[in-house]
Amino acid sequence: MLEILSPAATGDLTTLATAKRELGVTDAVQDARIVDLIREASDLVAQWCNRSGFGRETLRQTERLASPADALVLQRDLGVLVASVAEDGVALAASEYERGGVLLYRLRGDVRVPWTARTVVVEYQAGFALPDDAPSALERVCLDLLAGLWHGQGRDPAVRNETTEGVGAVGYFEHRGDTLPLAPDRLAALERYRRFHL
């Protein structure tokens, strides 16, 4: 079970000032629209990565163990900082556990041993202090999407091409929910933040 003790202050992957610089906007007339587009682009990136967002949250994860476990799997995996671990209500010292990626191990005398408690409660922070600490790859993708949304205002994004010769014809992109309109190198940079659910 995962509880959010302190939700992220924002999910925005870039700042208004950076977005305006990217778009070449120098006045404040369109600020509200740009803020909306930052939010929309940030949400698109999070959805593509199978995440609810990238902002820093304080979490409490409770594991009820029916049998001993070699490791516990933390449900969040970015920017993890473990604050406390308790077994059956008894707090552990920091020397009694260690984290390796998303796995949390129980230690006894510097040796990994199985978790044998019935209930283990882990409190930790995960995510980034957005928007200032957004990884550059995430911010860059957000800005690329933002620019596409900005320049495509009033245009049907599904239209690939139009011809007016004769009767006229409209060609449409094939919609796929798992794609983003980004260059391959941008998508490749984004892959490391994507979660795959089993």
Protein backbone atom coordinates (compact mmCIF):
# COMPACT_ATOMS: atom_id res chain seq x y z
CA MET A 1 0.00 0.00 0.00
CA LEU A 2 1.35 3.44 -0.93
CA GLU A 3 0.18 6.66 0.71
CA ILE A 4 1.14 10.14 -0.45
CA LEU A 5 1.94 12.10 2.70
CA SER A 6 2.99 15.26 0.89
CA PRO A 7 2.03 15.67 -2.78
CA ALA A 8 4.23 17.33 -5.36
CA ALA A 9 3.98 21.12 -5.41
CA THR A 10 3.91 21.06 -9.22
CA GLY A 11 4.25 18.67 -12.12
CA ASP A 12 5.63 21.32 -14.49
CA LEU A 13 8.84 20.25 -16.22
CA THR A 14 9.90 23.78 -17.13
CA THR A 15 9.38 27.37 -16.03
CA LEU A 16 7.35 30.10 -17.66
CA ALA A 17 10.52 32.13 -18.29
CA THR A 18 12.24 29.22 -20.06
CA ALA A 19 9.14 28.45 -22.13
CA LYS A 20 8.80 32.09 -23.22
CA ARG A 21 12.46 32.20 -24.22
CA GLU A 22 11.97 28.98 -26.23
CA LEU A 23 8.93 30.43 -28.00
CA GLY A 24 10.46 33.88 -28.54
CA VAL A 25 7.71 35.57 -26.53
CA THR A 26 8.75 38.80 -24.80
CA ASP A 27 5.48 40.21 -23.43
CA ALA A 28 3.10 38.90 -20.76
CA VAL A 29 -0.04 38.84 -22.91
CA GLN A 30 0.07 35.07 -23.50
CA ASP A 31 1.45 34.03 -20.09
CA ALA A 32 -1.73 32.23 -18.98
CA ARG A 33 -1.87 30.27 -22.26
CA ILE A 34 1.80 29.32 -22.00
CA VAL A 35 1.33 28.14 -18.39
CA ASP A 36 -1.55 25.91 -19.59
CA LEU A 37 0.63 24.51 -22.38
CA ILE A 38 3.48 23.79 -19.95
CA ARG A 39 1.04 21.78 -17.85
CA GLU A 40 -0.34 19.97 -20.90
CA ALA A 41 3.12 19.11 -22.28
CA SER A 42 4.34 17.97 -18.83
CA ASP A 43 1.28 15.72 -18.48
CA LEU A 44 1.90 14.22 -21.93
CA VAL A 45 5.48 13.35 -20.95
CA ALA A 46 4.34 11.78 -17.66
CA GLN A 47 1.64 9.74 -19.41
CA TRP A 48 4.08 8.46 -22.04
CA CYS A 49 6.44 7.42 -19.24
CA ASN A 50 3.57 5.61 -17.43
CA ARG A 51 3.84 7.90 -14.41
CA SER A 52 1.48 10.15 -12.51
CA GLY A 53 4.19 12.83 -12.61
CA PHE A 54 7.81 13.59 -11.78
CA GLY A 55 7.40 16.01 -8.85
CA ARG A 56 8.91 15.26 -5.43
CA GLU A 57 6.48 13.61 -3.01
CA THR A 58 6.75 12.25 0.51
CA LEU A 59 5.43 8.70 0.64
CA ARG A 60 4.62 5.93 3.09
CA GLN A 61 4.79 2.40 1.70
CA THR A 62 3.43 -0.43 3.84
CA GLU A 63 4.41 -4.01 3.05
CA ARG A 64 2.52 -6.88 4.71
CA LEU A 65 4.63 -9.99 4.32
CA ALA A 66 3.08 -13.46 4.32
CA SER A 67 6.54 -15.04 4.11
CA PRO A 68 10.17 -13.86 4.33
CA ALA A 69 11.30 -11.65 1.44
CA ASP A 70 14.86 -11.15 0.18
CA ALA A 71 14.11 -7.52 -0.73
CA LEU A 72 11.27 -5.03 -0.77
CA VAL A 73 10.42 -3.24 -4.01
CA LEU A 74 9.85 0.51 -3.66
CA GLN A 75 6.92 1.65 -5.78
CA ARG A 76 8.65 4.88 -6.83
CA ASP A 77 12.09 4.87 -8.40
CA LEU A 78 13.29 8.41 -9.20
CA GLY A 79 15.33 10.53 -6.77
CA VAL A 80 14.58 8.21 -3.83
CA LEU A 81 15.63 9.32 -0.33
CA VAL A 82 14.64 6.88 2.44
CA ALA A 83 13.72 8.69 5.67
CA SER A 84 12.74 5.79 7.93
CA VAL A 85 12.03 2.07 8.02
CA ALA A 86 10.06 0.26 10.73
CA GLU A 87 9.48 -3.45 11.28
CA ASP A 88 6.30 -4.33 13.19
CA GLY A 89 6.29 -0.83 14.64
CA VAL A 90 9.98 -0.80 15.68
CA ALA A 91 12.17 1.79 13.91
CA LEU A 92 15.36 0.49 12.30
CA ALA A 93 18.69 2.30 12.39
CA ALA A 94 20.05 3.43 9.02
CA SER A 95 22.75 0.74 9.34
CA GLU A 96 20.07 -1.97 9.38
CA TYR A 97 18.92 -1.52 5.79
CA GLU A 98 20.28 -0.41 2.43
CA ARG A 99 18.80 0.57 -0.88
CA GLY A 100 19.94 -0.67 -4.26
CA GLY A 101 17.89 1.04 -6.96
CA VAL A 102 14.24 0.25 -6.19
CA LEU A 103 15.16 -2.64 -3.88
CA LEU A 104 15.39 -2.24 -0.11
CA TYR A 105 17.48 -4.83 1.72
CA ARG A 106 17.55 -5.80 5.41
CA LEU A 107 21.02 -5.81 6.96
CA ARG A 108 22.44 -7.55 10.00
CA GLY A 109 26.11 -6.86 10.61
CA ASP A 110 26.68 -5.72 7.01
CA VAL A 111 25.12 -8.93 5.67
CA ARG A 112 21.89 -8.95 3.69
CA VAL A 113 19.23 -11.11 5.33
CA PRO A 114 15.57 -11.69 4.47
CA TRP A 115 12.85 -9.42 5.78
CA THR A 116 10.97 -11.57 8.32
CA ALA A 117 8.68 -9.02 9.98
CA ARG A 118 4.96 -9.21 9.30
CA THR A 119 4.71 -5.50 8.48
CA VAL A 120 7.40 -3.16 7.14
CA VAL A 121 6.68 0.56 6.79
CA VAL A 122 9.04 2.68 4.68
CA GLU A 123 8.78 6.47 4.52
CA TYR A 124 10.67 8.12 1.71
CA GLN A 125 10.77 10.94 -0.77
CA ALA A 126 10.79 10.36 -4.50
CA GLY A 127 10.77 12.56 -7.57
CA PHE A 128 12.38 15.87 -8.49
CA ALA A 129 12.00 19.37 -7.02
CA LEU A 130 10.22 20.75 -10.08
CA PRO A 131 10.49 22.74 -12.17
CA ASP A 132 14.03 23.89 -11.33
CA ASP A 133 15.52 20.41 -10.80
CA ALA A 134 13.88 18.72 -13.78
CA PRO A 135 16.44 16.56 -15.63
CA SER A 136 17.48 18.23 -18.87
CA ALA A 137 16.09 15.40 -21.03
CA LEU A 138 12.62 15.78 -19.49
CA GLU A 139 12.67 19.55 -19.78
CA ARG A 140 13.86 19.41 -23.40
CA VAL A 141 11.06 17.02 -24.40
CA CYS A 142 8.52 19.21 -22.58
CA LEU A 143 9.76 22.28 -24.47
CA ASP A 144 9.61 20.46 -27.82
CA LEU A 145 6.01 19.39 -27.15
CA LEU A 146 5.16 22.88 -25.90
CA ALA A 147 6.49 24.45 -29.12
CA GLY A 148 4.44 22.02 -31.20
CA LEU A 149 1.30 22.83 -29.23
CA TRP A 150 2.00 26.57 -29.46
CA HIS A 151 2.61 26.64 -33.21
CA GLY A 152 -0.23 24.21 -33.91
CA GLN A 153 -2.93 26.30 -32.24
CA GLY A 154 -6.15 26.19 -34.25
CA ARG A 155 -4.95 23.27 -36.38
CA ASP A 156 -6.24 19.70 -36.21
CA PRO A 157 -3.20 17.71 -34.99
CA ALA A 158 -4.48 14.56 -36.72
CA VAL A 159 -4.24 16.11 -40.22
CA ARG A 160 -1.11 14.97 -42.05
CA ASN A 161 -1.70 16.77 -45.34
CA GLU A 162 -4.34 18.53 -47.42
CA THR A 163 -4.64 18.91 -51.17
CA THR A 164 -7.02 21.34 -52.84
CA GLU A 165 -6.52 20.20 -56.43
CA GLY A 166 -9.75 18.91 -57.92
CA VAL A 167 -12.24 17.85 -55.26
CA GLY A 168 -9.65 17.98 -52.47
CA ALA A 169 -8.41 15.40 -50.01
CA VAL A 170 -7.26 15.29 -46.41
CA GLY A 171 -4.76 12.73 -45.12
CA TYR A 172 -4.69 11.83 -41.44
CA PHE A 173 -1.99 10.51 -39.19
CA GLU A 174 -2.58 7.04 -37.82
CA HIS A 175 -3.22 7.64 -34.12
CA ARG A 176 -1.26 5.57 -31.65
CA GLY A 177 -1.67 6.25 -27.95
CA ASP A 178 1.90 5.24 -27.13
CA THR A 179 3.62 7.78 -29.39
CA LEU A 180 4.69 11.37 -29.04
CA PRO A 181 5.44 13.71 -31.97
CA LEU A 182 9.16 13.84 -31.20
CA ALA A 183 12.44 13.17 -32.97
CA PRO A 184 13.94 9.71 -32.36
CA ASP A 185 16.84 11.11 -30.29
CA ARG A 186 14.37 12.87 -27.97
CA LEU A 187 12.36 9.66 -27.50
CA ALA A 188 15.56 7.72 -26.85
CA ALA A 189 16.54 10.19 -24.11
CA LEU A 190 13.08 9.85 -22.58
CA GLU A 191 13.19 6.03 -22.49
CA ARG A 192 15.25 5.95 -19.26
CA TYR A 193 12.35 7.60 -17.40
CA ARG A 194 9.69 5.24 -18.75
CA ARG A 195 8.15 2.68 -16.41
CA PHE A 196 7.01 -0.64 -17.79
CA HIS A 197 4.26 -2.40 -15.87
CA LEU A 198 4.37 -6.16 -15.70
